[in-house]
C-alpha atoms as a PDB file:
ATOM      1  CA  UNK A   1       9.300 -16.848 -14.133  1.00  0.00           C
ATOM      2  CA  UNK A   2       5.932 -17.938 -15.619  1.00  0.00           C
ATOM      3  CA  UNK A   3       2.539 -18.007 -13.963  1.00  0.00           C
ATOM      4  CA  UNK A   4       0.317 -20.842 -15.201  1.00  0.00           C
ATOM      5  CA  UNK A   5      -3.392 -20.293 -14.643  1.00  0.00           C
ATOM      6  CA  UNK A   6      -5.301 -23.493 -15.458  1.00  0.00           C
ATOM      7  CA  UNK A   7      -9.024 -22.963 -15.786  1.00  0.00           C
ATOM      8  CA  UNK A   8      -9.750 -25.584 -13.141  1.00  0.00           C
ATOM      9  CA  UNK A   9      -7.843 -23.565 -10.536  1.00  0.00           C
ATOM     10  CA  UNK A  10      -9.179 -20.116 -11.274  1.00  0.00           C
ATOM     11  CA  UNK A  11     -12.004 -20.381  -8.760  1.00  0.00           C
ATOM     12  CA  UNK A  12      -9.445 -21.115  -6.024  1.00  0.00           C
ATOM     13  CA  UNK A  13      -7.451 -17.980  -6.839  1.00  0.00           C
ATOM     14  CA  UNK A  14     -10.039 -15.593  -5.476  1.00  0.00           C
ATOM     15  CA  UNK A  15      -9.943 -14.564  -1.809  1.00  0.00           C
ATOM     16  CA  UNK A  16     -12.658 -15.981   0.404  1.00  0.00           C
ATOM     17  CA  UNK A  17     -15.432 -13.676   1.551  1.00  0.00           C
ATOM     18  CA  UNK A  18     -15.196 -12.376   5.100  1.00  0.00           C
ATOM     19  CA  UNK A  19     -15.707  -9.285   7.206  1.00  0.00           C
ATOM     20  CA  UNK A  20     -12.071  -8.930   8.303  1.00  0.00           C
ATOM     21  CA  UNK A  21      -9.105  -7.190   6.708  1.00  0.00           C
ATOM     22  CA  UNK A  22      -5.903  -8.952   5.719  1.00  0.00           C
ATOM     23  CA  UNK A  23      -2.725  -7.127   4.651  1.00  0.00           C
ATOM     24  CA  UNK A  24       0.201  -8.964   3.080  1.00  0.00           C
ATOM     25  CA  UNK A  25       3.424  -6.939   2.755  1.00  0.00           C
ATOM     26  CA  UNK A  26       4.923  -8.061  -0.531  1.00  0.00           C
ATOM     27  CA  UNK A  27       7.872  -5.690  -0.986  1.00  0.00           C
ATOM     28  CA  UNK A  28       9.785  -3.676   1.598  1.00  0.00           C
ATOM     29  CA  UNK A  29      13.264  -2.487   2.616  1.00  0.00           C
ATOM     30  CA  UNK A  30      13.353  -5.168   5.312  1.00  0.00           C
ATOM     31  CA  UNK A  31      12.187  -8.759   5.440  1.00  0.00           C
ATOM     32  CA  UNK A  32       9.902 -10.393   7.983  1.00  0.00           C
ATOM     33  CA  UNK A  33      10.665 -13.886   6.660  1.00  0.00           C
ATOM     34  CA  UNK A  34      13.961 -15.575   5.869  1.00  0.00           C
ATOM     35  CA  UNK A  35      12.786 -16.607   2.401  1.00  0.00           C
ATOM     36  CA  UNK A  36      11.705 -13.084   1.397  1.00  0.00           C
ATOM     37  CA  UNK A  37      14.313 -10.801  -0.168  1.00  0.00           C
ATOM     38  CA  UNK A  38      14.326  -7.170   1.007  1.00  0.00           C
ATOM     39  CA  UNK A  39      14.775  -4.305  -1.441  1.00  0.00           C
ATOM     40  CA  UNK A  40      14.113  -0.557  -1.600  1.00  0.00           C
ATOM     41  CA  UNK A  41      10.469  -0.077  -2.494  1.00  0.00           C
ATOM     42  CA  UNK A  42       7.004  -1.015  -1.287  1.00  0.00           C
ATOM     43  CA  UNK A  43       4.032  -3.185  -2.193  1.00  0.00           C
ATOM     44  CA  UNK A  44       1.172  -4.706  -0.214  1.00  0.00           C
ATOM     45  CA  UNK A  45      -1.994  -6.662  -0.942  1.00  0.00           C
ATOM     46  CA  UNK A  46      -5.209  -5.895   0.935  1.00  0.00           C
ATOM     47  CA  UNK A  47      -8.090  -8.360   1.118  1.00  0.00           C
ATOM     48  CA  UNK A  48     -11.503  -7.639   2.639  1.00  0.00           C
ATOM     49  CA  UNK A  49     -15.042  -8.917   2.045  1.00  0.00           C
ATOM     50  CA  UNK A  50     -13.865 -11.154  -0.773  1.00  0.00           C
ATOM     51  CA  UNK A  51     -12.169  -8.304  -2.636  1.00  0.00           C
ATOM     52  CA  UNK A  52      -8.437  -7.942  -3.195  1.00  0.00           C
ATOM     53  CA  UNK A  53      -6.423  -4.836  -4.125  1.00  0.00           C
ATOM     54  CA  UNK A  54      -2.709  -4.417  -4.756  1.00  0.00           C
ATOM     55  CA  UNK A  55      -1.198  -1.220  -3.355  1.00  0.00           C
ATOM     56  CA  UNK A  56       2.091  -0.335  -5.107  1.00  0.00           C
ATOM     57  CA  UNK A  57       4.348  -2.809  -6.865  1.00  0.00           C
ATOM     58  CA  UNK A  58       7.977  -2.428  -5.803  1.00  0.00           C
ATOM     59  CA  UNK A  59      11.137  -1.619  -7.738  1.00  0.00           C
ATOM     60  CA  UNK A  60      12.370  -4.834  -9.372  1.00  0.00           C
ATOM     61  CA  UNK A  61       9.585  -6.519 -11.350  1.00  0.00           C
ATOM     62  CA  UNK A  62      10.976 -10.059 -11.127  1.00  0.00           C
ATOM     63  CA  UNK A  63      11.528  -9.802  -7.374  1.00  0.00           C
ATOM     64  CA  UNK A  64       8.031  -8.377  -6.968  1.00  0.00           C
ATOM     65  CA  UNK A  65       6.520 -11.313  -8.885  1.00  0.00           C
ATOM     66  CA  UNK A  66       8.619 -13.807  -6.946  1.00  0.00           C
ATOM     67  CA  UNK A  67       7.506 -12.293  -3.631  1.00  0.00           C
ATOM     68  CA  UNK A  68       3.875 -12.447  -4.759  1.00  0.00           C
ATOM     69  CA  UNK A  69       4.345 -16.144  -5.454  1.00  0.00           C
ATOM     70  CA  UNK A  70       5.951 -16.769  -2.054  1.00  0.00           C
ATOM     71  CA  UNK A  71       3.091 -14.912  -0.373  1.00  0.00           C
ATOM     72  CA  UNK A  72       0.579 -17.098  -2.265  1.00  0.00           C
ATOM     73  CA  UNK A  73      -1.029 -14.200  -4.120  1.00  0.00           C
ATOM     74  CA  UNK A  74      -2.018 -15.229  -7.639  1.00  0.00           C
ATOM     75  CA  UNK A  75      -2.227 -12.480 -10.288  1.00  0.00           C
ATOM     76  CA  UNK A  76      -5.787 -13.470 -11.161  1.00  0.00           C
ATOM     77  CA  UNK A  77      -6.887 -12.914  -7.544  1.00  0.00           C
ATOM     78  CA  UNK A  78      -6.113  -9.180  -7.734  1.00  0.00           C
ATOM     79  CA  UNK A  79      -9.136  -7.213  -8.905  1.00  0.00           C
ATOM     80  CA  UNK A  80      -7.495  -3.800  -8.881  1.00  0.00           C
ATOM     81  CA  UNK A  81      -4.167  -2.095  -8.303  1.00  0.00           C
ATOM     82  CA  UNK A  82      -3.566   1.367  -6.846  1.00  0.00           C
ATOM     83  CA  UNK A  83      -0.194   3.045  -7.378  1.00  0.00           C
ATOM     84  CA  UNK A  84       0.439   5.593  -4.651  1.00  0.00           C
ATOM     85  CA  UNK A  85       2.712   7.913  -6.627  1.00  0.00           C
ATOM     86  CA  UNK A  86       4.792   8.095  -9.769  1.00  0.00           C
ATOM     87  CA  UNK A  87       8.198   7.031  -8.404  1.00  0.00           C
ATOM     88  CA  UNK A  88       9.623   3.850  -9.924  1.00  0.00           C
ATOM     89  CA  UNK A  89      10.124   2.067  -6.590  1.00  0.00           C
ATOM     90  CA  UNK A  90       6.328   1.950  -6.270  1.00  0.00           C
ATOM     91  CA  UNK A  91       5.165   1.369  -9.851  1.00  0.00           C
ATOM     92  CA  UNK A  92       7.754  -0.727 -11.712  1.00  0.00           C
ATOM     93  CA  UNK A  93       6.233  -4.108 -10.914  1.00  0.00           C
ATOM     94  CA  UNK A  94       2.806  -3.269 -12.283  1.00  0.00           C
ATOM     95  CA  UNK A  95       4.095  -3.240 -15.866  1.00  0.00           C
ATOM     96  CA  UNK A  96       5.092  -6.912 -15.538  1.00  0.00           C
ATOM     97  CA  UNK A  97       2.083  -7.972 -13.480  1.00  0.00           C
ATOM     98  CA  UNK A  98      -0.653  -6.493 -15.637  1.00  0.00           C
ATOM     99  CA  UNK A  99       0.089  -8.628 -18.760  1.00  0.00           C
ATOM    100  CA  UNK A 100      -0.296 -11.744 -16.563  1.00  0.00           C
ATOM    101  CA  UNK A 101      -3.887 -10.787 -15.760  1.00  0.00           C
ATOM    102  CA  UNK A 102      -5.165  -7.994 -17.968  1.00  0.00           C
ATOM    103  CA  UNK A 103      -8.688  -7.692 -16.423  1.00  0.00           C
ATOM    104  CA  UNK A 104      -7.059  -6.081 -13.389  1.00  0.00           C
ATOM    105  CA  UNK A 105      -7.997  -2.371 -13.100  1.00  0.00           C
ATOM    106  CA  UNK A 106      -4.975  -0.160 -12.416  1.00  0.00           C
ATOM    107  CA  UNK A 107      -5.336   3.285 -10.847  1.00  0.00           C
ATOM    108  CA  UNK A 108      -2.783   6.083 -11.364  1.00  0.00           C
ATOM    109  CA  UNK A 109      -3.193   9.669 -10.250  1.00  0.00           C
ATOM    110  CA  UNK A 110      -4.152  12.107 -12.972  1.00  0.00           C
ATOM    111  CA  UNK A 111      -1.036  14.122 -12.055  1.00  0.00           C
ATOM    112  CA  UNK A 112       1.479  11.301 -12.715  1.00  0.00           C
ATOM    113  CA  UNK A 113       4.378  12.088 -15.022  1.00  0.00           C
ATOM    114  CA  UNK A 114       3.456  11.321 -18.658  1.00  0.00           C
ATOM    115  CA  UNK A 115       6.234   8.730 -18.765  1.00  0.00           C
ATOM    116  CA  UNK A 116       4.308   6.550 -16.297  1.00  0.00           C
ATOM    117  CA  UNK A 117       1.316   6.510 -18.648  1.00  0.00           C
ATOM    118  CA  UNK A 118       3.520   5.933 -21.709  1.00  0.00           C
ATOM    119  CA  UNK A 119       5.059   2.857 -20.085  1.00  0.00           C
ATOM    120  CA  UNK A 120       1.582   1.627 -19.194  1.00  0.00           C
ATOM    121  CA  UNK A 121       0.358   1.938 -22.780  1.00  0.00           C
ATOM    122  CA  UNK A 122       3.460   0.084 -24.017  1.00  0.00           C
ATOM    123  CA  UNK A 123       2.333  -3.070 -22.164  1.00  0.00           C
ATOM    124  CA  UNK A 124      -1.359  -2.655 -22.965  1.00  0.00           C
ATOM    125  CA  UNK A 125      -2.289  -1.170 -19.592  1.00  0.00           C
ATOM    126  CA  UNK A 126      -4.905   1.590 -19.781  1.00  0.00           C
ATOM    127  CA  UNK A 127      -4.585   3.165 -16.349  1.00  0.00           C
ATOM    128  CA  UNK A 128      -7.611   4.802 -14.743  1.00  0.00           C
ATOM    129  CA  UNK A 129      -6.871   8.415 -13.787  1.00  0.00           C
ATOM    130  CA  UNK A 130      -7.771   9.311 -10.206  1.00  0.00           C
ATOM    131  CA  UNK A 131      -8.338  12.816  -8.870  1.00  0.00           C
ATOM    132  CA  UNK A 132     -10.595  12.770  -5.825  1.00  0.00           C
ATOM    133  CA  UNK A 133     -11.695  10.162  -3.268  1.00  0.00           C
ATOM    134  CA  UNK A 134     -13.177   7.088  -4.908  1.00  0.00           C
ATOM    135  CA  UNK A 135     -14.212   3.531  -4.076  1.00  0.00           C
ATOM    136  CA  UNK A 136     -11.837   1.134  -5.855  1.00  0.00           C
ATOM    137  CA  UNK A 137     -13.717  -2.076  -5.013  1.00  0.00           C
ATOM    138  CA  UNK A 138     -16.466  -2.518  -2.403  1.00  0.00           C
ATOM    139  CA  UNK A 139     -14.999  -1.519   0.956  1.00  0.00           C
ATOM    140  CA  UNK A 140     -11.605  -0.220  -0.287  1.00  0.00           C
ATOM    141  CA  UNK A 141     -11.133   3.459  -1.137  1.00  0.00           C
ATOM    142  CA  UNK A 142      -8.499   5.886  -2.355  1.00  0.00           C
ATOM    143  CA  UNK A 143      -8.053   9.368  -0.917  1.00  0.00           C
ATOM    144  CA  UNK A 144      -7.482  10.701  -4.408  1.00  0.00           C
ATOM    145  CA  UNK A 145      -4.758  13.302  -4.885  1.00  0.00           C
ATOM    146  CA  UNK A 146      -3.019  14.521  -1.744  1.00  0.00           C
ATOM    147  CA  UNK A 147      -0.919  17.419  -3.005  1.00  0.00           C
ATOM    148  CA  UNK A 148       2.832  17.133  -2.564  1.00  0.00           C
ATOM    149  CA  UNK A 149       6.125  16.720  -4.384  1.00  0.00           C
ATOM    150  CA  UNK A 150       5.042  14.396  -5.849  1.00  0.00           C
ATOM    151  CA  UNK A 151       1.307  14.031  -5.289  1.00  0.00           C
ATOM    152  CA  UNK A 152       0.189  10.798  -3.633  1.00  0.00           C
ATOM    153  CA  UNK A 153      -2.880   8.758  -2.846  1.00  0.00           C
ATOM    154  CA  UNK A 154      -3.448   6.535   0.184  1.00  0.00           C
ATOM    155  CA  UNK A 155      -5.607   3.446   0.487  1.00  0.00           C
ATOM    156  CA  UNK A 156      -8.446   3.571   3.055  1.00  0.00           C
ATOM    157  CA  UNK A 157     -10.441   0.622   4.424  1.00  0.00           C
ATOM    158  CA  UNK A 158     -13.232   1.545   6.874  1.00  0.00           C
ATOM    159  CA  UNK A 159     -13.945  -0.984   9.640  1.00  0.00           C
ATOM    160  CA  UNK A 160     -16.215  -0.925  12.678  1.00  0.00           C
ATOM    161  CA  UNK A 161     -13.167  -0.237  14.865  1.00  0.00           C
ATOM    162  CA  UNK A 162     -11.775   2.584  12.732  1.00  0.00           C
ATOM    163  CA  UNK A 163      -9.938   3.197   9.480  1.00  0.00           C
ATOM    164  CA  UNK A 164      -7.112   1.120   8.091  1.00  0.00           C
ATOM    165  CA  UNK A 165      -4.790   3.373   6.072  1.00  0.00           C
ATOM    166  CA  UNK A 166      -1.947   2.362   3.766  1.00  0.00           C
ATOM    167  CA  UNK A 167       0.611   4.900   2.577  1.00  0.00           C
ATOM    168  CA  UNK A 168       3.280   4.346  -0.040  1.00  0.00           C
ATOM    169  CA  UNK A 169       5.855   7.030   0.767  1.00  0.00           C
ATOM    170  CA  UNK A 170       3.946   9.964   2.312  1.00  0.00           C
ATOM    171  CA  UNK A 171       5.833  12.593   0.319  1.00  0.00           C
ATOM    172  CA  UNK A 172       3.134  15.192   1.110  1.00  0.00           C
ATOM    173  CA  UNK A 173       3.683  14.382   4.826  1.00  0.00           C
ATOM    174  CA  UNK A 174       2.358  11.416   6.763  1.00  0.00           C
ATOM    175  CA  UNK A 175       0.133  13.626   8.931  1.00  0.00           C
ATOM    176  CA  UNK A 176      -1.327  15.209   5.812  1.00  0.00           C
ATOM    177  CA  UNK A 177      -2.017  11.754   4.362  1.00  0.00           C
ATOM    178  CA  UNK A 178      -3.846  10.713   7.538  1.00  0.00           C
ATOM    179  CA  UNK A 179      -5.829  13.961   7.594  1.00  0.00           C
ATOM    180  CA  UNK A 180      -6.927  13.394   3.981  1.00  0.00           C
ATOM    181  CA  UNK A 181      -7.988   9.831   4.728  1.00  0.00           C
ATOM    182  CA  UNK A 182      -9.958  10.832   7.832  1.00  0.00           C
ATOM    183  CA  UNK A 183     -11.570  13.764   6.025  1.00  0.00           C
ATOM    184  CA  UNK A 184     -12.792  11.399   3.302  1.00  0.00           C
ATOM    185  CA  UNK A 185     -14.485   9.267   5.976  1.00  0.00           C
ATOM    186  CA  UNK A 186     -16.117  11.865   8.223  1.00  0.00           C
ATOM    187  CA  UNK A 187     -13.199  12.140  10.632  1.00  0.00           C
ATOM    188  CA  UNK A 188     -13.209   8.517  11.766  1.00  0.00           C
ATOM    189  CA  UNK A 189     -10.373   7.417  14.058  1.00  0.00           C
ATOM    190  CA  UNK A 190      -7.513   5.387  12.617  1.00  0.00           C
ATOM    191  CA  UNK A 191      -7.293   1.778  13.714  1.00  0.00           C
ATOM    192  CA  UNK A 192      -4.076   1.059  11.783  1.00  0.00           C
ATOM    193  CA  UNK A 193      -1.577   3.104   9.760  1.00  0.00           C
ATOM    194  CA  UNK A 194       0.822   1.029   7.648  1.00  0.00           C
ATOM    195  CA  UNK A 195       3.388   1.965   5.028  1.00  0.00           C
ATOM    196  CA  UNK A 196       6.138   4.413   4.226  1.00  0.00           C
ATOM    197  CA  UNK A 197       6.159   7.597   6.319  1.00  0.00           C
ATOM    198  CA  UNK A 198       9.137   9.265   4.544  1.00  0.00           C
ATOM    199  CA  UNK A 199      10.940  10.403   7.691  1.00  0.00           C
ATOM    200  CA  UNK A 200      14.371   8.892   7.010  1.00  0.00           C
ATOM    201  CA  UNK A 201      15.913  12.331   6.397  1.00  0.00           C
ATOM    202  CA  UNK A 202      13.855  14.206   9.006  1.00  0.00           C
ATOM    203  CA  UNK A 203      15.657  15.632  12.085  1.00  0.00           C
ATOM    204  CA  UNK A 204      14.711  13.911  15.339  1.00  0.00           C
ATOM    205  CA  UNK A 205      13.063  17.001  16.929  1.00  0.00           C
ATOM    206  CA  UNK A 206      10.732  17.207  13.910  1.00  0.00           C
ATOM    207  CA  UNK A 207      10.038  13.475  14.105  1.00  0.00           C
ATOM    208  CA  UNK A 208       8.893  13.884  17.711  1.00  0.00           C
ATOM    209  CA  UNK A 209       6.422  16.576  16.655  1.00  0.00           C
ATOM    210  CA  UNK A 210       5.083  14.406  13.827  1.00  0.00           C
ATOM    211  CA  UNK A 211       4.597  11.412  16.118  1.00  0.00           C
ATOM    212  CA  UNK A 212       2.652  13.615  18.557  1.00  0.00           C
ATOM    213  CA  UNK A 213       0.480  14.800  15.669  1.00  0.00           C
ATOM    214  CA  UNK A 214      -0.265  11.214  14.667  1.00  0.00           C
ATOM    215  CA  UNK A 215      -1.456  10.543  18.208  1.00  0.00           C
ATOM    216  CA  UNK A 216      -3.589  13.680  18.029  1.00  0.00           C
ATOM    217  CA  UNK A 217      -5.082  12.354  14.766  1.00  0.00           C
ATOM    218  CA  UNK A 218      -6.346   9.309  16.705  1.00  0.00           C
ATOM    219  CA  UNK A 219      -3.939   6.887  15.071  1.00  0.00           C
ATOM    220  CA  UNK A 220      -4.131   3.872  17.370  1.00  0.00           C
ATOM    221  CA  UNK A 221      -1.589   1.484  15.819  1.00  0.00           C
ATOM    222  CA  UNK A 222       1.384   1.987  13.479  1.00  0.00           C
ATOM    223  CA  UNK A 223       3.291  -0.400  11.225  1.00  0.00           C
ATOM    224  CA  UNK A 224       6.003   1.691   9.528  1.00  0.00           C
ATOM    225  CA  UNK A 225       7.767   0.460   6.398  1.00  0.00           C
ATOM    226  CA  UNK A 226      10.022   1.429   3.509  1.00  0.00           C
ATOM    227  CA  UNK A 227      11.211   5.066   3.793  1.00  0.00           C
ATOM    228  CA  UNK A 228      10.238   5.691   7.431  1.00  0.00           C
ATOM    229  CA  UNK A 229      13.826   5.455   8.701  1.00  0.00           C
ATOM    230  CA  UNK A 230      15.373   4.079  11.889  1.00  0.00           C
ATOM    231  CA  UNK A 231      15.134   7.267  14.012  1.00  0.00           C
ATOM    232  CA  UNK A 232      11.425   7.576  13.264  1.00  0.00           C
ATOM    233  CA  UNK A 233      10.840   3.887  13.938  1.00  0.00           C
ATOM    234  CA  UNK A 234      12.520   4.241  17.329  1.00  0.00           C
ATOM    235  CA  UNK A 235      10.372   7.274  18.153  1.00  0.00           C
ATOM    236  CA  UNK A 236       7.201   5.501  17.061  1.00  0.00           C
ATOM    237  CA  UNK A 237       8.123   2.399  19.065  1.00  0.00           C
ATOM    238  CA  UNK A 238       8.750   4.523  22.152  1.00  0.00           C
ATOM    239  CA  UNK A 239       5.400   6.331  21.922  1.00  0.00           C
ATOM    240  CA  UNK A 240       3.191   3.497  20.661  1.00  0.00           C
ATOM    241  CA  UNK A 241       4.665   0.618  22.648  1.00  0.00           C
ATOM    242  CA  UNK A 242       2.670  -2.563  22.017  1.00  0.00           C
ATOM    243  CA  UNK A 243       0.707  -0.766  19.295  1.00  0.00           C
ATOM    244  CA  UNK A 244       3.898  -0.540  17.216  1.00  0.00           C
ATOM    245  CA  UNK A 245       5.301  -3.220  14.942  1.00  0.00           C
ATOM    246  CA  UNK A 246       7.669  -3.103  11.987  1.00  0.00           C
ATOM    247  CA  UNK A 247       6.539  -4.196   8.535  1.00  0.00           C
ATOM    248  CA  UNK A 248       8.914  -6.160   6.287  1.00  0.00           C
ATOM    249  CA  UNK A 249       8.353  -8.294   3.210  1.00  0.00           C
ATOM    250  CA  UNK A 250       6.424 -11.379   4.254  1.00  0.00           C
ATOM    251  CA  UNK A 251       4.499  -9.816   7.120  1.00  0.00           C
ATOM    252  CA  UNK A 252       0.798 -10.667   7.324  1.00  0.00           C
ATOM    253  CA  UNK A 253      -1.631  -8.630   9.417  1.00  0.00           C
ATOM    254  CA  UNK A 254      -5.107  -9.987  10.154  1.00  0.00           C
ATOM    255  CA  UNK A 255      -7.793  -7.699  11.571  1.00  0.00           C
ATOM    256  CA  UNK A 256     -11.237  -8.928  12.636  1.00  0.00           C
END
């Protein structure tokens, strides 16, 4: 598949300015639309205040690019990409996307496996190395390294009604990811937590404890995806009620 970027259309590729937050789920284990193919992995695009960031890039590069097209996200509209952790189901797509729009800044963790950086260099991608909390574009931040096996970073978008947090897989623990995000923003409450919570192999009694901890961390709304697992989704739905919704490739969330 080829992306054609005529000069006359470039100005239309950029997201419009606005105070809200939009999240488009590009890649997920489930689909929210009949025309979107589900696959193991995760990717989402966040737009706020006229800035757009890609968070993770799925497993199969061609499917990732096709889903971007179906979600009307042009490569040249993405100013920066943040890859949550080194696993291939979160970083594979970036190696195909970056050559389509090389000005895009791509952010890996300093602690990524050397192979991830070697693959980046092979396609001309010079990844920025992230350690601590940092602003990626105006209004969108990374937590920096949250220690785990492997280390991860989460995306954080402050709003007047609380933080919006995106997690890729939460290998360090979803509660730990939320704590790191809140700590980086003076303990603000969490308006929305979206992404993989990595609870698909966690016993149900432990899941119940984790869900209670998320409530204690002032997480108001959850949208689990990817590796969260059915038992955890059921527990989250039971506790959060109307403040729970599943993700799925093709889902769009608009926050004012």
